[in-house]
Amino acid sequence: MAEFRHIVRVAGTDLKGEKRVDVALADIKGVGFAMARAVAYAANVDPFKKIGYLSEEEVAKIEEVLKDPLKFGIPVWMLNRRKDYETSLNLHLIGSDLVLTQKADIDREKKIRSRRGIRHELGLPVRGQRTRTTGRKGMTVGVMRKETRIKMEAAGKKEEKKEKK
């Protein structure tokens, strides 16, 4: 059995050696739990084994599967970037590549002034969520009854008159 390593570096991410292979791979940005399990099986690695006990060859095989999952039989529907905007290829992006691509997509939306791009610029919800009561930032103001608001305004006017005297 291979020597235990407390930190294993996979695809530019440090993973804790105490975690199972599938759980540890899910810590990589762009790899979910289902994809992590599929990668482990495609690389012929037991997903329930601690990742700290994997050999260098097994880690290299996992990285190879993460780079090109389609070549190892992972279905297209599991990829996170199908029919890429620029290349029309089915890709699976991880780590900083995913972050940079998402930022470029949002910037493109802003540039062409699409509805989604404008919502991104204004800091509003993009996917059709309600905004009347939720998603408020800063000082939140609740709904007041009309009578209560009138009384408060009247009290405010009385204080203004006192201050003027």
C-alpha atoms as a PDB file:
ATOM      1  CA  MET A   1       0.000   0.000   0.000  1.00  0.00           C
ATOM      2  CA  ALA A   2       1.243   3.494  -0.856  1.00  0.00           C
ATOM      3  CA  GLU A   3       2.462   5.891   1.812  1.00  0.00           C
ATOM      4  CA  PHE A   4      -0.204   8.259   3.175  1.00  0.00           C
ATOM      5  CA  ARG A   5      -0.019  11.918   2.079  1.00  0.00           C
ATOM      6  CA  HIS A   6      -1.935  14.565   4.015  1.00  0.00           C
ATOM      7  CA  ILE A   7      -2.189  16.915   1.029  1.00  0.00           C
ATOM      8  CA  VAL A   8      -2.614  15.709  -2.548  1.00  0.00           C
ATOM      9  CA  ARG A   9      -2.370  18.168  -5.442  1.00  0.00           C
ATOM     10  CA  VAL A  10      -4.830  17.394  -8.241  1.00  0.00           C
ATOM     11  CA  ALA A  11      -5.514  19.779 -11.150  1.00  0.00           C
ATOM     12  CA  GLY A  12      -3.917  22.748  -9.375  1.00  0.00           C
ATOM     13  CA  THR A  13      -5.925  22.270  -6.175  1.00  0.00           C
ATOM     14  CA  ASP A  14      -4.683  20.999  -2.810  1.00  0.00           C
ATOM     15  CA  LEU A  15      -6.968  18.260  -1.488  1.00  0.00           C
ATOM     16  CA  LYS A  16      -7.038  16.856   2.056  1.00  0.00           C
ATOM     17  CA  GLY A  17      -5.700  13.299   2.175  1.00  0.00           C
ATOM     18  CA  GLU A  18      -8.192  12.183   4.848  1.00  0.00           C
ATOM     19  CA  LYS A  19     -11.172  12.569   2.474  1.00  0.00           C
ATOM     20  CA  ARG A  20     -12.548   9.879   0.183  1.00  0.00           C
ATOM     21  CA  VAL A  21     -11.580  10.209  -3.476  1.00  0.00           C
ATOM     22  CA  ASP A  22     -15.055  11.230  -4.700  1.00  0.00           C
ATOM     23  CA  VAL A  23     -15.590  13.759  -1.897  1.00  0.00           C
ATOM     24  CA  ALA A  24     -12.108  15.245  -2.320  1.00  0.00           C
ATOM     25  CA  LEU A  25     -12.479  15.600  -6.106  1.00  0.00           C
ATOM     26  CA  ALA A  26     -15.771  17.443  -5.555  1.00  0.00           C
ATOM     27  CA  ASP A  27     -13.725  20.155  -3.765  1.00  0.00           C
ATOM     28  CA  ILE A  28     -12.194  21.143  -7.112  1.00  0.00           C
ATOM     29  CA  LYS A  29     -14.018  24.126  -8.632  1.00  0.00           C
ATOM     30  CA  GLY A  30     -16.056  22.894 -11.589  1.00  0.00           C
ATOM     31  CA  VAL A  31     -16.294  19.277 -10.406  1.00  0.00           C
ATOM     32  CA  GLY A  32     -19.510  18.243  -8.695  1.00  0.00           C
ATOM     33  CA  PHE A  33     -20.162  15.077  -6.730  1.00  0.00           C
ATOM     34  CA  ALA A  34     -21.553  13.099  -9.679  1.00  0.00           C
ATOM     35  CA  MET A  35     -18.696  14.162 -11.946  1.00  0.00           C
ATOM     36  CA  ALA A  36     -16.149  13.297  -9.224  1.00  0.00           C
ATOM     37  CA  ARG A  37     -17.527   9.790  -8.892  1.00  0.00           C
ATOM     38  CA  ALA A  38     -17.595   9.358 -12.693  1.00  0.00           C
ATOM     39  CA  VAL A  39     -13.960  10.525 -12.945  1.00  0.00           C
ATOM     40  CA  ALA A  40     -12.896   8.072 -10.248  1.00  0.00           C
ATOM     41  CA  TYR A  41     -14.566   5.145 -12.027  1.00  0.00           C
ATOM     42  CA  ALA A  42     -13.184   6.238 -15.428  1.00  0.00           C
ATOM     43  CA  ALA A  43      -9.667   6.339 -13.942  1.00  0.00           C
ATOM     44  CA  ASN A  44     -10.139   2.853 -12.408  1.00  0.00           C
ATOM     45  CA  VAL A  45      -9.732   4.234  -8.875  1.00  0.00           C
ATOM     46  CA  ASP A  46     -11.900   3.149  -5.937  1.00  0.00           C
ATOM     47  CA  PRO A  47     -13.972   6.276  -5.101  1.00  0.00           C
ATOM     48  CA  PHE A  48     -14.345   5.155  -1.459  1.00  0.00           C
ATOM     49  CA  LYS A  49     -10.595   4.950  -0.820  1.00  0.00           C
ATOM     50  CA  LYS A  50      -8.864   7.826   1.000  1.00  0.00           C
ATOM     51  CA  ILE A  51      -7.195  10.105  -1.531  1.00  0.00           C
ATOM     52  CA  GLY A  52      -4.046  10.257   0.613  1.00  0.00           C
ATOM     53  CA  TYR A  53      -3.330   6.590  -0.151  1.00  0.00           C
ATOM     54  CA  LEU A  54      -3.385   7.001  -3.959  1.00  0.00           C
ATOM     55  CA  SER A  55      -0.139   6.471  -5.867  1.00  0.00           C
ATOM     56  CA  GLU A  56       1.339   9.099  -8.188  1.00  0.00           C
ATOM     57  CA  GLU A  57       0.180   7.064 -11.214  1.00  0.00           C
ATOM     58  CA  GLU A  58      -3.423   7.028  -9.981  1.00  0.00           C
ATOM     59  CA  VAL A  59      -3.361  10.793  -9.353  1.00  0.00           C
ATOM     60  CA  ALA A  60      -1.903  11.341 -12.833  1.00  0.00           C
ATOM     61  CA  LYS A  61      -4.665   9.187 -14.340  1.00  0.00           C
ATOM     62  CA  ILE A  62      -7.334  11.230 -12.494  1.00  0.00           C
ATOM     63  CA  GLU A  63      -5.816  14.465 -13.838  1.00  0.00           C
ATOM     64  CA  GLU A  64      -5.795  13.008 -17.353  1.00  0.00           C
ATOM     65  CA  VAL A  65      -9.494  12.108 -17.081  1.00  0.00           C
ATOM     66  CA  LEU A  66     -10.306  15.606 -15.765  1.00  0.00           C
ATOM     67  CA  LYS A  67      -8.548  17.205 -18.761  1.00  0.00           C
ATOM     68  CA  ASP A  68     -10.569  15.263 -21.371  1.00  0.00           C
ATOM     69  CA  PRO A  69     -13.528  13.395 -19.839  1.00  0.00           C
ATOM     70  CA  LEU A  70     -15.149  12.547 -23.198  1.00  0.00           C
ATOM     71  CA  LYS A  71     -12.143  10.451 -24.212  1.00  0.00           C
ATOM     72  CA  PHE A  72     -12.707   8.216 -21.167  1.00  0.00           C
ATOM     73  CA  GLY A  73     -16.398   7.562 -21.755  1.00  0.00           C
ATOM     74  CA  ILE A  74     -17.975  10.205 -19.515  1.00  0.00           C
ATOM     75  CA  PRO A  75     -21.248  11.270 -21.190  1.00  0.00           C
ATOM     76  CA  VAL A  76     -21.680  14.712 -22.760  1.00  0.00           C
ATOM     77  CA  TRP A  77     -24.533  15.676 -20.433  1.00  0.00           C
ATOM     78  CA  MET A  78     -22.153  15.636 -17.440  1.00  0.00           C
ATOM     79  CA  LEU A  79     -19.912  18.355 -18.865  1.00  0.00           C
ATOM     80  CA  ASN A  80     -20.231  21.896 -17.556  1.00  0.00           C
ATOM     81  CA  ARG A  81     -19.691  23.736 -20.864  1.00  0.00           C
ATOM     82  CA  ARG A  82     -21.495  22.090 -23.724  1.00  0.00           C
ATOM     83  CA  LYS A  83     -21.368  23.738 -27.149  1.00  0.00           C
ATOM     84  CA  ASP A  84     -18.935  26.479 -26.149  1.00  0.00           C
ATOM     85  CA  TYR A  85     -19.811  29.932 -27.524  1.00  0.00           C
ATOM     86  CA  GLU A  86     -16.501  30.472 -29.332  1.00  0.00           C
ATOM     87  CA  THR A  87     -15.456  26.952 -30.363  1.00  0.00           C
ATOM     88  CA  SER A  88     -18.783  25.037 -30.474  1.00  0.00           C
ATOM     89  CA  LEU A  89     -17.035  22.164 -28.671  1.00  0.00           C
ATOM     90  CA  ASN A  90     -18.202  20.223 -25.639  1.00  0.00           C
ATOM     91  CA  LEU A  91     -15.800  21.148 -22.830  1.00  0.00           C
ATOM     92  CA  HIS A  92     -15.429  20.543 -19.124  1.00  0.00           C
ATOM     93  CA  LEU A  93     -13.672  23.467 -17.425  1.00  0.00           C
ATOM     94  CA  ILE A  94     -12.153  23.360 -13.950  1.00  0.00           C
ATOM     95  CA  GLY A  95     -10.413  25.819 -11.653  1.00  0.00           C
ATOM     96  CA  SER A  96      -9.333  29.205 -12.951  1.00  0.00           C
ATOM     97  CA  ASP A  97     -10.341  28.340 -16.535  1.00  0.00           C
ATOM     98  CA  LEU A  98     -13.956  28.109 -15.372  1.00  0.00           C
ATOM     99  CA  VAL A  99     -13.776  31.413 -13.477  1.00  0.00           C
ATOM    100  CA  LEU A 100     -12.224  33.292 -16.403  1.00  0.00           C
ATOM    101  CA  THR A 101     -14.703  31.857 -18.909  1.00  0.00           C
ATOM    102  CA  GLN A 102     -17.685  32.806 -16.736  1.00  0.00           C
ATOM    103  CA  LYS A 103     -16.315  36.341 -16.375  1.00  0.00           C
ATOM    104  CA  ALA A 104     -15.836  36.585 -20.151  1.00  0.00           C
ATOM    105  CA  ASP A 105     -19.420  35.391 -20.726  1.00  0.00           C
ATOM    106  CA  ILE A 106     -20.808  38.028 -18.357  1.00  0.00           C
ATOM    107  CA  ASP A 107     -18.664  40.757 -19.956  1.00  0.00           C
ATOM    108  CA  ARG A 108     -19.925  39.710 -23.409  1.00  0.00           C
ATOM    109  CA  GLU A 109     -23.526  39.943 -22.168  1.00  0.00           C
ATOM    110  CA  LYS A 110     -22.828  43.446 -20.812  1.00  0.00           C
ATOM    111  CA  LYS A 111     -21.145  44.530 -24.040  1.00  0.00           C
ATOM    112  CA  ILE A 112     -24.046  43.489 -26.284  1.00  0.00           C
ATOM    113  CA  ARG A 113     -26.457  45.117 -23.794  1.00  0.00           C
ATOM    114  CA  SER A 114     -28.649  42.040 -23.411  1.00  0.00           C
ATOM    115  CA  ARG A 115     -31.258  41.924 -20.659  1.00  0.00           C
ATOM    116  CA  ARG A 116     -29.058  39.558 -18.634  1.00  0.00           C
ATOM    117  CA  GLY A 117     -26.037  41.818 -19.076  1.00  0.00           C
ATOM    118  CA  ILE A 118     -27.937  44.871 -17.891  1.00  0.00           C
ATOM    119  CA  ARG A 119     -29.188  42.969 -14.826  1.00  0.00           C
ATOM    120  CA  HIS A 120     -25.587  41.946 -14.073  1.00  0.00           C
ATOM    121  CA  GLU A 121     -24.461  45.590 -14.340  1.00  0.00           C
ATOM    122  CA  LEU A 122     -27.177  46.775 -11.977  1.00  0.00           C
ATOM    123  CA  GLY A 123     -26.508  43.998  -9.458  1.00  0.00           C
ATOM    124  CA  LEU A 124     -30.041  42.642  -9.771  1.00  0.00           C
ATOM    125  CA  PRO A 125     -31.133  38.999  -9.994  1.00  0.00           C
ATOM    126  CA  VAL A 126     -30.605  37.681 -13.511  1.00  0.00           C
ATOM    127  CA  ARG A 127     -32.748  34.550 -13.634  1.00  0.00           C
ATOM    128  CA  GLY A 128     -36.230  35.941 -13.074  1.00  0.00           C
ATOM    129  CA  GLN A 129     -36.359  35.954  -9.283  1.00  0.00           C
ATOM    130  CA  ARG A 130     -38.737  38.282  -7.453  1.00  0.00           C
ATOM    131  CA  THR A 131     -37.288  41.560  -6.222  1.00  0.00           C
ATOM    132  CA  ARG A 132     -40.179  43.198  -4.426  1.00  0.00           C
ATOM    133  CA  THR A 133     -39.418  41.750  -1.010  1.00  0.00           C
ATOM    134  CA  THR A 134     -36.280  39.614  -1.291  1.00  0.00           C
ATOM    135  CA  GLY A 135     -32.739  40.299  -2.388  1.00  0.00           C
ATOM    136  CA  ARG A 136     -32.576  43.692  -0.714  1.00  0.00           C
ATOM    137  CA  LYS A 137     -29.209  45.169   0.153  1.00  0.00           C
ATOM    138  CA  GLY A 138     -28.462  47.773   2.804  1.00  0.00           C
ATOM    139  CA  MET A 139     -31.183  49.287   4.937  1.00  0.00           C
ATOM    140  CA  THR A 140     -34.359  47.292   4.481  1.00  0.00           C
ATOM    141  CA  VAL A 141     -37.665  49.069   4.846  1.00  0.00           C
ATOM    142  CA  GLY A 142     -40.712  47.018   5.657  1.00  0.00           C
ATOM    143  CA  VAL A 143     -44.254  47.647   4.481  1.00  0.00           C
ATOM    144  CA  MET A 144     -46.156  50.180   6.617  1.00  0.00           C
ATOM    145  CA  ARG A 145     -49.859  50.746   6.924  1.00  0.00           C
ATOM    146  CA  LYS A 146     -51.035  54.033   5.502  1.00  0.00           C
ATOM    147  CA  GLU A 147     -52.354  55.307   8.870  1.00  0.00           C
ATOM    148  CA  THR A 148     -49.058  54.544  10.629  1.00  0.00           C
ATOM    149  CA  ARG A 149     -47.062  56.314   7.929  1.00  0.00           C
ATOM    150  CA  ILE A 150     -49.305  59.405   8.139  1.00  0.00           C
ATOM    151  CA  LYS A 151     -48.900  59.541  11.949  1.00  0.00           C
ATOM    152  CA  MET A 152     -45.104  59.252  11.643  1.00  0.00           C
ATOM    153  CA  GLU A 153     -44.975  62.002   9.029  1.00  0.00           C
ATOM    154  CA  ALA A 154     -47.143  64.230  11.223  1.00  0.00           C
ATOM    155  CA  ALA A 155     -44.834  63.604  14.205  1.00  0.00           C
ATOM    156  CA  GLY A 156     -41.830  64.463  12.022  1.00  0.00           C
ATOM    157  CA  LYS A 157     -43.430  67.775  10.970  1.00  0.00           C
ATOM    158  CA  LYS A 158     -44.114  68.700  14.621  1.00  0.00           C
ATOM    159  CA  GLU A 159     -40.443  68.135  15.465  1.00  0.00           C
ATOM    160  CA  GLU A 160     -39.369  70.334  12.541  1.00  0.00           C
ATOM    161  CA  LYS A 161     -41.576  73.172  13.818  1.00  0.00           C
ATOM    162  CA  LYS A 162     -40.071  72.851  17.306  1.00  0.00           C
ATOM    163  CA  GLU A 163     -36.547  72.998  15.897  1.00  0.00           C
ATOM    164  CA  LYS A 164     -37.345  76.183  13.929  1.00  0.00           C
ATOM    165  CA  LYS A 165     -38.528  78.012  17.088  1.00  0.00           C
END
